[in-house]
Amino acid sequence: MLRIYRVALDVVRRLQPYVLQIRRRQPSLADQLDRACDTTVLGIAEGSRSLGKIRGQHYSRGAASMDEANGCIDLALAKGHIGSFDGDLREAMKQIIGTLTKCVGR
């Protein structure tokens, strides 16, 4: 299992207060954020046991889903659903994307 798996789980935990806050204003956006995070973690888990091209597909999907989660946060900020967002959490999200993107190229 990639070490980034634990980082992804930590990101999911740290995002939960934001998910709850967004859900009060726009439930569909909160659900999308939640699903994107689920897909990221599950993509890492599936990819770690896969071989060859399929491994890269799982990691690529995980990276794309974390990009989607970032987009959900950006939308929530733009719409005023949340007032601010933790910069360290954003960096952890970017770390996941970067690590998975590098793994796709292997």
PDB file of N, CA and C in Angstrom:
ATOM      1  N   MET A   1       0.852  -1.180   0.000  1.00  0.00           N
ATOM      2  CA  MET A   1       0.000   0.000   0.000  1.00  0.00           C
ATOM      3  C   MET A   1       0.897   1.241   0.000  1.00  0.00           C
ATOM      4  N   LEU A   2       0.582   2.187  -0.842  1.00  0.00           N
ATOM      5  CA  LEU A   2       1.342   3.440  -0.884  1.00  0.00           C
ATOM      6  C   LEU A   2       1.173   4.212   0.425  1.00  0.00           C
ATOM      7  N   ARG A   3       2.226   4.905   0.831  1.00  0.00           N
ATOM      8  CA  ARG A   3       2.144   5.737   2.040  1.00  0.00           C
ATOM      9  C   ARG A   3       1.102   6.842   1.897  1.00  0.00           C
ATOM     10  N   ILE A   4       0.859   7.265   0.664  1.00  0.00           N
ATOM     11  CA  ILE A   4      -0.107   8.347   0.435  1.00  0.00           C
ATOM     12  C   ILE A   4      -1.525   7.925   0.824  1.00  0.00           C
ATOM     13  N   TYR A   5      -1.745   6.617   0.963  1.00  0.00           N
ATOM     14  CA  TYR A   5      -3.055   6.107   1.396  1.00  0.00           C
ATOM     15  C   TYR A   5      -3.420   6.688   2.762  1.00  0.00           C
ATOM     16  N   ARG A   6      -2.466   6.680   3.678  1.00  0.00           N
ATOM     17  CA  ARG A   6      -2.719   7.232   5.024  1.00  0.00           C
ATOM     18  C   ARG A   6      -2.966   8.742   4.961  1.00  0.00           C
ATOM     19  N   VAL A   7      -2.240   9.423   4.094  1.00  0.00           N
ATOM     20  CA  VAL A   7      -2.458  10.864   3.902  1.00  0.00           C
ATOM     21  C   VAL A   7      -3.874  11.096   3.393  1.00  0.00           C
ATOM     22  N   ALA A   8      -4.314  10.270   2.454  1.00  0.00           N
ATOM     23  CA  ALA A   8      -5.663  10.413   1.897  1.00  0.00           C
ATOM     24  C   ALA A   8      -6.727  10.199   2.971  1.00  0.00           C
ATOM     25  N   LEU A   9      -6.533   9.209   3.819  1.00  0.00           N
ATOM     26  CA  LEU A   9      -7.487   8.988   4.912  1.00  0.00           C
ATOM     27  C   LEU A   9      -7.514  10.176   5.866  1.00  0.00           C
ATOM     28  N   ASP A  10      -6.349  10.746   6.145  1.00  0.00           N
ATOM     29  CA  ASP A  10      -6.276  11.927   7.006  1.00  0.00           C
ATOM     30  C   ASP A  10      -6.994  13.111   6.363  1.00  0.00           C
ATOM     31  N   VAL A  11      -6.819  13.286   5.059  1.00  0.00           N
ATOM     32  CA  VAL A  11      -7.517  14.362   4.342  1.00  0.00           C
ATOM     33  C   VAL A  11      -9.025  14.172   4.462  1.00  0.00           C
ATOM     34  N   VAL A  12      -9.498  12.951   4.296  1.00  0.00           N
ATOM     35  CA  VAL A  12     -10.934  12.674   4.421  1.00  0.00           C
ATOM     36  C   VAL A  12     -11.425  13.070   5.811  1.00  0.00           C
ATOM     37  N   ARG A  13     -10.691  12.686   6.842  1.00  0.00           N
ATOM     38  CA  ARG A  13     -11.076  13.053   8.219  1.00  0.00           C
ATOM     39  C   ARG A  13     -11.129  14.572   8.389  1.00  0.00           C
ATOM     40  N   ARG A  14     -10.102  15.249   7.898  1.00  0.00           N
ATOM     41  CA  ARG A  14     -10.011  16.702   8.077  1.00  0.00           C
ATOM     42  C   ARG A  14     -11.030  17.463   7.232  1.00  0.00           C
ATOM     43  N   LEU A  15     -11.512  16.850   6.160  1.00  0.00           N
ATOM     44  CA  LEU A  15     -12.513  17.503   5.311  1.00  0.00           C
ATOM     45  C   LEU A  15     -13.930  17.418   5.880  1.00  0.00           C
ATOM     46  N   GLN A  16     -14.170  16.512   6.804  1.00  0.00           N
ATOM     47  CA  GLN A  16     -15.535  16.276   7.266  1.00  0.00           C
ATOM     48  C   GLN A  16     -16.251  17.523   7.806  1.00  0.00           C
ATOM     49  N   PRO A  17     -15.590  18.383   8.588  1.00  0.00           N
ATOM     50  CA  PRO A  17     -16.294  19.599   9.024  1.00  0.00           C
ATOM     51  C   PRO A  17     -16.726  20.481   7.844  1.00  0.00           C
ATOM     52  N   TYR A  18     -15.914  20.520   6.789  1.00  0.00           N
ATOM     53  CA  TYR A  18     -16.272  21.295   5.597  1.00  0.00           C
ATOM     54  C   TYR A  18     -17.446  20.649   4.872  1.00  0.00           C
ATOM     55  N   VAL A  19     -17.427  19.326   4.776  1.00  0.00           N
ATOM     56  CA  VAL A  19     -18.531  18.610   4.126  1.00  0.00           C
ATOM     57  C   VAL A  19     -19.840  18.927   4.846  1.00  0.00           C
ATOM     58  N   LEU A  20     -19.817  18.881   6.164  1.00  0.00           N
ATOM     59  CA  LEU A  20     -21.030  19.164   6.943  1.00  0.00           C
ATOM     60  C   LEU A  20     -21.498  20.602   6.749  1.00  0.00           C
ATOM     61  N   GLN A  21     -20.565  21.525   6.723  1.00  0.00           N
ATOM     62  CA  GLN A  21     -20.902  22.938   6.527  1.00  0.00           C
ATOM     63  C   GLN A  21     -21.489  23.167   5.130  1.00  0.00           C
ATOM     64  N   ILE A  22     -20.886  22.574   4.121  1.00  0.00           N
ATOM     65  CA  ILE A  22     -21.380  22.716   2.748  1.00  0.00           C
ATOM     66  C   ILE A  22     -22.752  22.066   2.614  1.00  0.00           C
ATOM     67  N   ARG A  23     -22.953  20.923   3.277  1.00  0.00           N
ATOM     68  CA  ARG A  23     -24.220  20.191   3.183  1.00  0.00           C
ATOM     69  C   ARG A  23     -25.406  21.048   3.630  1.00  0.00           C
ATOM     70  N   ARG A  24     -25.179  21.928   4.587  1.00  0.00           N
ATOM     71  CA  ARG A  24     -26.266  22.801   5.061  1.00  0.00           C
ATOM     72  C   ARG A  24     -26.728  23.775   3.981  1.00  0.00           C
ATOM     73  N   ARG A  25     -25.828  24.141   3.076  1.00  0.00           N
ATOM     74  CA  ARG A  25     -26.139  25.131   2.038  1.00  0.00           C
ATOM     75  C   ARG A  25     -26.433  24.498   0.679  1.00  0.00           C
ATOM     76  N   GLN A  26     -25.697  23.435   0.341  1.00  0.00           N
ATOM     77  CA  GLN A  26     -25.875  22.786  -0.963  1.00  0.00           C
ATOM     78  C   GLN A  26     -25.546  21.293  -0.817  1.00  0.00           C
ATOM     79  N   PRO A  27     -26.544  20.505  -0.443  1.00  0.00           N
ATOM     80  CA  PRO A  27     -26.313  19.075  -0.211  1.00  0.00           C
ATOM     81  C   PRO A  27     -25.670  18.346  -1.394  1.00  0.00           C
ATOM     82  N   SER A  28     -26.042  18.707  -2.608  1.00  0.00           N
ATOM     83  CA  SER A  28     -25.489  18.001  -3.774  1.00  0.00           C
ATOM     84  C   SER A  28     -23.978  18.229  -3.905  1.00  0.00           C
ATOM     85  N   LEU A  29     -23.511  19.425  -3.596  1.00  0.00           N
ATOM     86  CA  LEU A  29     -22.075  19.706  -3.665  1.00  0.00           C
ATOM     87  C   LEU A  29     -21.332  18.946  -2.565  1.00  0.00           C
ATOM     88  N   ALA A  30     -21.926  18.877  -1.386  1.00  0.00           N
ATOM     89  CA  ALA A  30     -21.316  18.115  -0.292  1.00  0.00           C
ATOM     90  C   ALA A  30     -21.225  16.636  -0.652  1.00  0.00           C
ATOM     91  N   ASP A  31     -22.279  16.111  -1.264  1.00  0.00           N
ATOM     92  CA  ASP A  31     -22.265  14.705  -1.688  1.00  0.00           C
ATOM     93  C   ASP A  31     -21.186  14.461  -2.735  1.00  0.00           C
ATOM     94  N   GLN A  32     -21.040  15.397  -3.660  1.00  0.00           N
ATOM     95  CA  GLN A  32     -20.022  15.250  -4.702  1.00  0.00           C
ATOM     96  C   GLN A  32     -18.622  15.269  -4.095  1.00  0.00           C
ATOM     97  N   LEU A  33     -18.394  16.169  -3.143  1.00  0.00           N
ATOM     98  CA  LEU A  33     -17.108  16.235  -2.448  1.00  0.00           C
ATOM     99  C   LEU A  33     -16.837  14.920  -1.718  1.00  0.00           C
ATOM    100  N   ASP A  34     -17.842  14.420  -1.044  1.00  0.00           N
ATOM    101  CA  ASP A  34     -17.717  13.164  -0.304  1.00  0.00           C
ATOM    102  C   ASP A  34     -17.398  11.995  -1.241  1.00  0.00           C
ATOM    103  N   ARG A  35     -18.102  11.916  -2.359  1.00  0.00           N
ATOM    104  CA  ARG A  35     -17.868  10.838  -3.330  1.00  0.00           C
ATOM    105  C   ARG A  35     -16.472  10.935  -3.949  1.00  0.00           C
ATOM    106  N   ALA A  36     -16.034  12.158  -4.234  1.00  0.00           N
ATOM    107  CA  ALA A  36     -14.697  12.345  -4.815  1.00  0.00           C
ATOM    108  C   ALA A  36     -13.622  11.843  -3.852  1.00  0.00           C
ATOM    109  N   CYS A  37     -13.796  12.123  -2.580  1.00  0.00           N
ATOM    110  CA  CYS A  37     -12.827  11.646  -1.581  1.00  0.00           C
ATOM    111  C   CYS A  37     -12.860  10.125  -1.464  1.00  0.00           C
ATOM    112  N   ASP A  38     -14.068   9.562  -1.473  1.00  0.00           N
ATOM    113  CA  ASP A  38     -14.190   8.101  -1.428  1.00  0.00           C
ATOM    114  C   ASP A  38     -13.460   7.465  -2.605  1.00  0.00           C
ATOM    115  N   THR A  39     -13.673   8.017  -3.792  1.00  0.00           N
ATOM    116  CA  THR A  39     -13.055   7.466  -4.997  1.00  0.00           C
ATOM    117  C   THR A  39     -11.537   7.563  -4.937  1.00  0.00           C
ATOM    118  N   THR A  40     -11.026   8.636  -4.352  1.00  0.00           N
ATOM    119  CA  THR A  40      -9.574   8.778  -4.214  1.00  0.00           C
ATOM    120  C   THR A  40      -9.002   7.666  -3.345  1.00  0.00           C
ATOM    121  N   VAL A  41      -9.567   7.493  -2.168  1.00  0.00           N
ATOM    122  CA  VAL A  41      -9.065   6.474  -1.238  1.00  0.00           C
ATOM    123  C   VAL A  41      -9.209   5.078  -1.839  1.00  0.00           C
ATOM    124  N   LEU A  42     -10.353   4.806  -2.431  1.00  0.00           N
ATOM    125  CA  LEU A  42     -10.576   3.475  -3.005  1.00  0.00           C
ATOM    126  C   LEU A  42      -9.688   3.226  -4.218  1.00  0.00           C
ATOM    127  N   GLY A  43      -9.410   4.268  -4.994  1.00  0.00           N
ATOM    128  CA  GLY A  43      -8.506   4.128  -6.134  1.00  0.00           C
ATOM    129  C   GLY A  43      -7.098   3.767  -5.693  1.00  0.00           C
ATOM    130  N   ILE A  44      -6.654   4.376  -4.600  1.00  0.00           N
ATOM    131  CA  ILE A  44      -5.330   4.044  -4.065  1.00  0.00           C
ATOM    132  C   ILE A  44      -5.317   2.590  -3.586  1.00  0.00           C
ATOM    133  N   ALA A  45      -6.367   2.199  -2.872  1.00  0.00           N
ATOM    134  CA  ALA A  45      -6.438   0.828  -2.359  1.00  0.00           C
ATOM    135  C   ALA A  45      -6.462  -0.190  -3.495  1.00  0.00           C
ATOM    136  N   GLU A  46      -7.298   0.048  -4.493  1.00  0.00           N
ATOM    137  CA  GLU A  46      -7.381  -0.884  -5.622  1.00  0.00           C
ATOM    138  C   GLU A  46      -6.084  -0.907  -6.423  1.00  0.00           C
ATOM    139  N   GLY A  47      -5.518   0.258  -6.649  1.00  0.00           N
ATOM    140  CA  GLY A  47      -4.288   0.342  -7.424  1.00  0.00           C
ATOM    141  C   GLY A  47      -3.133  -0.385  -6.776  1.00  0.00           C
ATOM    142  N   SER A  48      -3.102  -0.381  -5.461  1.00  0.00           N
ATOM    143  CA  SER A  48      -1.979  -1.012  -4.766  1.00  0.00           C
ATOM    144  C   SER A  48      -1.947  -2.526  -4.960  1.00  0.00           C
ATOM    145  N   ARG A  49      -3.065  -3.116  -5.307  1.00  0.00           N
ATOM    146  CA  ARG A  49      -3.128  -4.566  -5.539  1.00  0.00           C
ATOM    147  C   ARG A  49      -3.247  -4.923  -7.017  1.00  0.00           C
ATOM    148  N   SER A  50      -3.207  -3.915  -7.865  1.00  0.00           N
ATOM    149  CA  SER A  50      -3.331  -4.147  -9.305  1.00  0.00           C
ATOM    150  C   SER A  50      -1.958  -4.140  -9.958  1.00  0.00           C
ATOM    151  N   LEU A  51      -1.923  -4.618 -11.180  1.00  0.00           N
ATOM    152  CA  LEU A  51      -0.662  -4.675 -11.918  1.00  0.00           C
ATOM    153  C   LEU A  51      -0.777  -3.920 -13.233  1.00  0.00           C
ATOM    154  N   GLY A  52       0.367  -3.450 -13.712  1.00  0.00           N
ATOM    155  CA  GLY A  52       0.456  -2.858 -15.045  1.00  0.00           C
ATOM    156  C   GLY A  52      -0.455  -1.677 -15.280  1.00  0.00           C
ATOM    157  N   LYS A  53      -1.078  -1.700 -16.440  1.00  0.00           N
ATOM    158  CA  LYS A  53      -1.912  -0.598 -16.901  1.00  0.00           C
ATOM    159  C   LYS A  53      -3.101  -0.332 -15.966  1.00  0.00           C
ATOM    160  N   ILE A  54      -3.651  -1.387 -15.409  1.00  0.00           N
ATOM    161  CA  ILE A  54      -4.812  -1.241 -14.523  1.00  0.00           C
ATOM    162  C   ILE A  54      -4.429  -0.462 -13.271  1.00  0.00           C
ATOM    163  N   ARG A  55      -3.231  -0.700 -12.757  1.00  0.00           N
ATOM    164  CA  ARG A  55      -2.753   0.046 -11.585  1.00  0.00           C
ATOM    165  C   ARG A  55      -2.763   1.544 -11.892  1.00  0.00           C
ATOM    166  N   GLY A  56      -2.207   1.907 -13.035  1.00  0.00           N
ATOM    167  CA  GLY A  56      -2.173   3.309 -13.435  1.00  0.00           C
ATOM    168  C   GLY A  56      -3.558   3.907 -13.583  1.00  0.00           C
ATOM    169  N   GLN A  57      -4.498   3.117 -14.076  1.00  0.00           N
ATOM    170  CA  GLN A  57      -5.873   3.607 -14.227  1.00  0.00           C
ATOM    171  C   GLN A  57      -6.496   3.926 -12.876  1.00  0.00           C
ATOM    172  N   HIS A  58      -6.261   3.074 -11.891  1.00  0.00           N
ATOM    173  CA  HIS A  58      -6.796   3.330 -10.546  1.00  0.00           C
ATOM    174  C   HIS A  58      -6.170   4.589  -9.944  1.00  0.00           C
ATOM    175  N   TYR A  59      -4.848   4.711 -10.075  1.00  0.00           N
ATOM    176  CA  TYR A  59      -4.171   5.884  -9.525  1.00  0.00           C
ATOM    177  C   TYR A  59      -4.580   7.159 -10.263  1.00  0.00           C
ATOM    178  N   SER A  60      -4.762   7.059 -11.565  1.00  0.00           N
ATOM    179  CA  SER A  60      -5.199   8.218 -12.349  1.00  0.00           C
ATOM    180  C   SER A  60      -6.588   8.667 -11.915  1.00  0.00           C
ATOM    181  N   ARG A  61      -7.476   7.709 -11.715  1.00  0.00           N
ATOM    182  CA  ARG A  61      -8.829   8.035 -11.259  1.00  0.00           C
ATOM    183  C   ARG A  61      -8.791   8.660  -9.864  1.00  0.00           C
ATOM    184  N   GLY A  62      -7.914   8.140  -8.997  1.00  0.00           N
ATOM    185  CA  GLY A  62      -7.780   8.711  -7.657  1.00  0.00           C
ATOM    186  C   GLY A  62      -7.295  10.149  -7.694  1.00  0.00           C
ATOM    187  N   ALA A  63      -6.309  10.427  -8.552  1.00  0.00           N
ATOM    188  CA  ALA A  63      -5.793  11.796  -8.690  1.00  0.00           C
ATOM    189  C   ALA A  63      -6.863  12.724  -9.248  1.00  0.00           C
ATOM    190  N   ALA A  64      -7.584  12.251 -10.262  1.00  0.00           N
ATOM    191  CA  ALA A  64      -8.645  13.071 -10.862  1.00  0.00           C
ATOM    192  C   ALA A  64      -9.746  13.363  -9.848  1.00  0.00           C
ATOM    193  N   SER A  65     -10.051  12.395  -9.013  1.00  0.00           N
ATOM    194  CA  SER A  65     -11.088  12.605  -8.002  1.00  0.00           C
ATOM    195  C   SER A  65     -10.641  13.592  -6.932  1.00  0.00           C
ATOM    196  N   MET A  66      -9.353  13.587  -6.591  1.00  0.00           N
ATOM    197  CA  MET A  66      -8.871  14.580  -5.630  1.00  0.00           C
ATOM    198  C   MET A  66      -8.872  15.964  -6.267  1.00  0.00           C
ATOM    199  N   ASP A  67      -8.602  16.041  -7.573  1.00  0.00           N
ATOM    200  CA  ASP A  67      -8.765  17.315  -8.297  1.00  0.00           C
ATOM    201  C   ASP A  67     -10.216  17.782  -8.206  1.00  0.00           C
ATOM    202  N   GLU A  68     -11.135  16.840  -8.362  1.00  0.00           N
ATOM    203  CA  GLU A  68     -12.561  17.166  -8.258  1.00  0.00           C
ATOM    204  C   GLU A  68     -12.890  17.683  -6.857  1.00  0.00           C
ATOM    205  N   ALA A  69     -12.321  17.056  -5.840  1.00  0.00           N
ATOM    206  CA  ALA A  69     -12.543  17.516  -4.465  1.00  0.00           C
ATOM    207  C   ALA A  69     -12.046  18.950  -4.295  1.00  0.00           C
ATOM    208  N   ASN A  70     -10.888  19.264  -4.869  1.00  0.00           N
ATOM    209  CA  ASN A  70     -10.388  20.641  -4.839  1.00  0.00           C
ATOM    210  C   ASN A  70     -11.368  21.589  -5.521  1.00  0.00           C
ATOM    211  N   GLY A  71     -11.922  21.154  -6.643  1.00  0.00           N
ATOM    212  CA  GLY A  71     -12.912  21.965  -7.347  1.00  0.00           C
ATOM    213  C   GLY A  71     -14.155  22.204  -6.506  1.00  0.00           C
ATOM    214  N   CYS A  72     -14.584  21.187  -5.783  1.00  0.00           N
ATOM    215  CA  CYS A  72     -15.745  21.330  -4.896  1.00  0.00           C
ATOM    216  C   CYS A  72     -15.473  22.374  -3.815  1.00  0.00           C
ATOM    217  N   ILE A  73     -14.268  22.343  -3.255  1.00  0.00           N
ATOM    218  CA  ILE A  73     -13.900  23.335  -2.239  1.00  0.00           C
ATOM    219  C   ILE A  73     -13.880  24.730  -2.852  1.00  0.00           C
ATOM    220  N   ASP A  74     -13.306  24.857  -4.051  1.00  0.00           N
ATOM    221  CA  ASP A  74     -13.280  26.159  -4.728  1.00  0.00           C
ATOM    222  C   ASP A  74     -14.691  26.688  -4.960  1.00  0.00           C
ATOM    223  N   LEU A  75     -15.596  25.813  -5.397  1.00  0.00           N
ATOM    224  CA  LEU A  75     -16.992  26.223  -5.606  1.00  0.00           C
ATOM    225  C   LEU A  75     -17.640  26.653  -4.294  1.00  0.00           C
ATOM    226  N   ALA A  76     -17.409  25.886  -3.245  1.00  0.00           N
ATOM    227  CA  ALA A  76     -17.989  26.220  -1.944  1.00  0.00           C
ATOM    228  C   ALA A  76     -17.489  27.573  -1.450  1.00  0.00           C
ATOM    229  N   LEU A  77     -16.221  27.855  -1.670  1.00  0.00           N
ATOM    230  CA  LEU A  77     -15.673  29.166  -1.306  1.00  0.00           C
ATOM    231  C   LEU A  77     -16.294  30.269  -2.154  1.00  0.00           C
ATOM    232  N   ALA A  78     -16.378  30.038  -3.461  1.00  0.00           N
ATOM    233  CA  ALA A  78     -16.923  31.047  -4.375  1.00  0.00           C
ATOM    234  C   ALA A  78     -18.386  31.354  -4.074  1.00  0.00           C
ATOM    235  N   LYS A  79     -19.127  30.343  -3.646  1.00  0.00           N
ATOM    236  CA  LYS A  79     -20.553  30.521  -3.365  1.00  0.00           C
ATOM    237  C   LYS A  79     -20.825  30.980  -1.933  1.00  0.00           C
ATOM    238  N   GLY A  80     -19.778  31.079  -1.136  1.00  0.00           N
ATOM    239  CA  GLY A  80     -19.949  31.523   0.243  1.00  0.00           C
ATOM    240  C   GLY A  80     -20.459  30.442   1.182  1.00  0.00           C
ATOM    241  N   HIS A  81     -20.381  29.183   0.765  1.00  0.00           N
ATOM    242  CA  HIS A  81     -20.819  28.084   1.632  1.00  0.00           C
ATOM    243  C   HIS A  81     -19.847  27.875   2.788  1.00  0.00           C
ATOM    244  N   ILE A  82     -18.574  28.175   2.534  1.00  0.00           N
ATOM    245  CA  ILE A  82     -17.553  28.162   3.584  1.00  0.00           C
ATOM    246  C   ILE A  82     -16.781  29.474   3.472  1.00  0.00           C
ATOM    247  N   GLY A  83     -16.334  29.980   4.605  1.00  0.00           N
ATOM    248  CA  GLY A  83     -15.665  31.278   4.605  1.00  0.00           C
ATOM    249  C   GLY A  83     -14.196  31.221   4.249  1.00  0.00           C
ATOM    250  N   SER A  84     -13.554  30.117   4.609  1.00  0.00           N
ATOM    251  CA  SER A  84     -12.124  29.956   4.335  1.00  0.00           C
ATOM    252  C   SER A  84     -11.817  28.465   4.297  1.00  0.00           C
ATOM    253  N   PHE A  85     -10.583  28.161   3.893  1.00  0.00           N
ATOM    254  CA  PHE A  85     -10.172  26.759   3.817  1.00  0.00           C
ATOM    255  C   PHE A  85      -8.742  26.638   4.312  1.00  0.00           C
ATOM    256  N   ASP A  86      -8.464  25.593   5.049  1.00  0.00           N
ATOM    257  CA  ASP A  86      -7.159  25.318   5.650  1.00  0.00           C
ATOM    258  C   ASP A  86      -6.095  25.110   4.566  1.00  0.00           C
ATOM    259  N   GLY A  87      -5.096  25.983   4.540  1.00  0.00           N
ATOM    260  CA  GLY A  87      -4.029  25.905   3.544  1.00  0.00           C
ATOM    261  C   GLY A  87      -3.213  24.626   3.637  1.00  0.00           C
ATOM    262  N   ASP A  88      -2.977  24.133   4.853  1.00  0.00           N
ATOM    263  CA  ASP A  88      -2.236  22.877   5.015  1.00  0.00           C
ATOM    264  C   ASP A  88      -3.029  21.697   4.463  1.00  0.00           C
ATOM    265  N   LEU A  89      -4.332  21.747   4.628  1.00  0.00           N
ATOM    266  CA  LEU A  89      -5.189  20.698   4.081  1.00  0.00           C
ATOM    267  C   LEU A  89      -5.163  20.734   2.554  1.00  0.00           C
ATOM    268  N   ARG A  90      -5.183  21.925   1.995  1.00  0.00           N
ATOM    269  CA  ARG A  90      -5.098  22.066   0.533  1.00  0.00           C
ATOM    270  C   ARG A  90      -3.773  21.486   0.028  1.00  0.00           C
ATOM    271  N   GLU A  91      -2.686  21.752   0.751  1.00  0.00           N
ATOM    272  CA  GLU A  91      -1.382  21.209   0.354  1.00  0.00           C
ATOM    273  C   GLU A  91      -1.366  19.683   0.415  1.00  0.00           C
ATOM    274  N   ALA A  92      -2.008  19.120   1.423  1.00  0.00           N
ATOM    275  CA  ALA A  92      -2.087  17.656   1.518  1.00  0.00           C
ATOM    276  C   ALA A  92      -2.872  17.084   0.338  1.00  0.00           C
ATOM    277  N   MET A  93      -3.916  17.784  -0.082  1.00  0.00           N
ATOM    278  CA  MET A  93      -4.696  17.347  -1.240  1.00  0.00           C
ATOM    279  C   MET A  93      -3.835  17.389  -2.504  1.00  0.00           C
ATOM    280  N   LYS A  94      -3.045  18.448  -2.639  1.00  0.00           N
ATOM    281  CA  LYS A  94      -2.138  18.557  -3.791  1.00  0.00           C
ATOM    282  C   LYS A  94      -1.062  17.476  -3.754  1.00  0.00           C
ATOM    283  N   GLN A  95      -0.602  17.130  -2.555  1.00  0.00           N
ATOM    284  CA  GLN A  95       0.400  16.070  -2.407  1.00  0.00           C
ATOM    285  C   GLN A  95      -0.151  14.740  -2.919  1.00  0.00           C
ATOM    286  N   ILE A  96      -1.399  14.459  -2.610  1.00  0.00           N
ATOM    287  CA  ILE A  96      -2.035  13.229  -3.087  1.00  0.00           C
ATOM    288  C   ILE A  96      -2.061  13.214  -4.613  1.00  0.00           C
ATOM    289  N   ILE A  97      -2.487  14.315  -5.195  1.00  0.00           N
ATOM    290  CA  ILE A  97      -2.561  14.410  -6.661  1.00  0.00           C
ATOM    291  C   ILE A  97      -1.176  14.199  -7.274  1.00  0.00           C
ATOM    292  N   GLY A  98      -0.177  14.872  -6.728  1.00  0.00           N
ATOM    293  CA  GLY A  98       1.180  14.764  -7.258  1.00  0.00           C
ATOM    294  C   GLY A  98       1.748  13.361  -7.154  1.00  0.00           C
ATOM    295  N   THR A  99       1.554  12.739  -6.008  1.00  0.00           N
ATOM    296  CA  THR A  99       2.073  11.385  -5.810  1.00  0.00           C
ATOM    297  C   THR A  99       1.409  10.396  -6.759  1.00  0.00           C
ATOM    298  N   LEU A 100       0.088  10.470  -6.861  1.00  0.00           N
ATOM    299  CA  LEU A 100      -0.622   9.534  -7.738  1.00  0.00           C
ATOM    300  C   LEU A 100      -0.272   9.770  -9.203  1.00  0.00           C
ATOM    301  N   THR A 101      -0.105  11.022  -9.576  1.00  0.00           N
ATOM    302  CA  THR A 101       0.269  11.341 -10.959  1.00  0.00           C
ATOM    303  C   THR A 101       1.638  10.751 -11.289  1.00  0.00           C
ATOM    304  N   LYS A 102       2.573  10.845 -10.348  1.00  0.00           N
ATOM    305  CA  LYS A 102       3.899  10.246 -10.559  1.00  0.00           C
ATOM    306  C   LYS A 102       3.806   8.727 -10.670  1.00  0.00           C
ATOM    307  N   CYS A 103       2.936   8.129  -9.881  1.00  0.00           N
ATOM    308  CA  CYS A 103       2.782   6.667  -9.922  1.00  0.00           C
ATOM    309  C   CYS A 103       2.191   6.189 -11.243  1.00  0.00           C
ATOM    310  N   VAL A 104       1.389   7.009 -11.880  1.00  0.00           N
ATOM    311  CA  VAL A 104       0.789   6.640 -13.165  1.00  0.00           C
ATOM    312  C   VAL A 104       1.875   6.500 -14.223  1.00  0.00           C
ATOM    313  N   GLY A 105       2.906   7.320 -14.139  1.00  0.00           N
ATOM    314  CA  GLY A 105       3.973   7.309 -15.131  1.00  0.00           C
ATOM    315  C   GLY A 105       4.931   6.134 -15.023  1.00  0.00           C
ATOM    316  N   ARG A 106       4.828   5.357 -13.971  1.00  0.00           N
ATOM    317  CA  ARG A 106       5.764   4.234 -13.771  1.00  0.00           C
ATOM    318  C   ARG A 106       5.422   3.054 -14.640  1.00  0.00           C
TER     319      ARG A 106
END
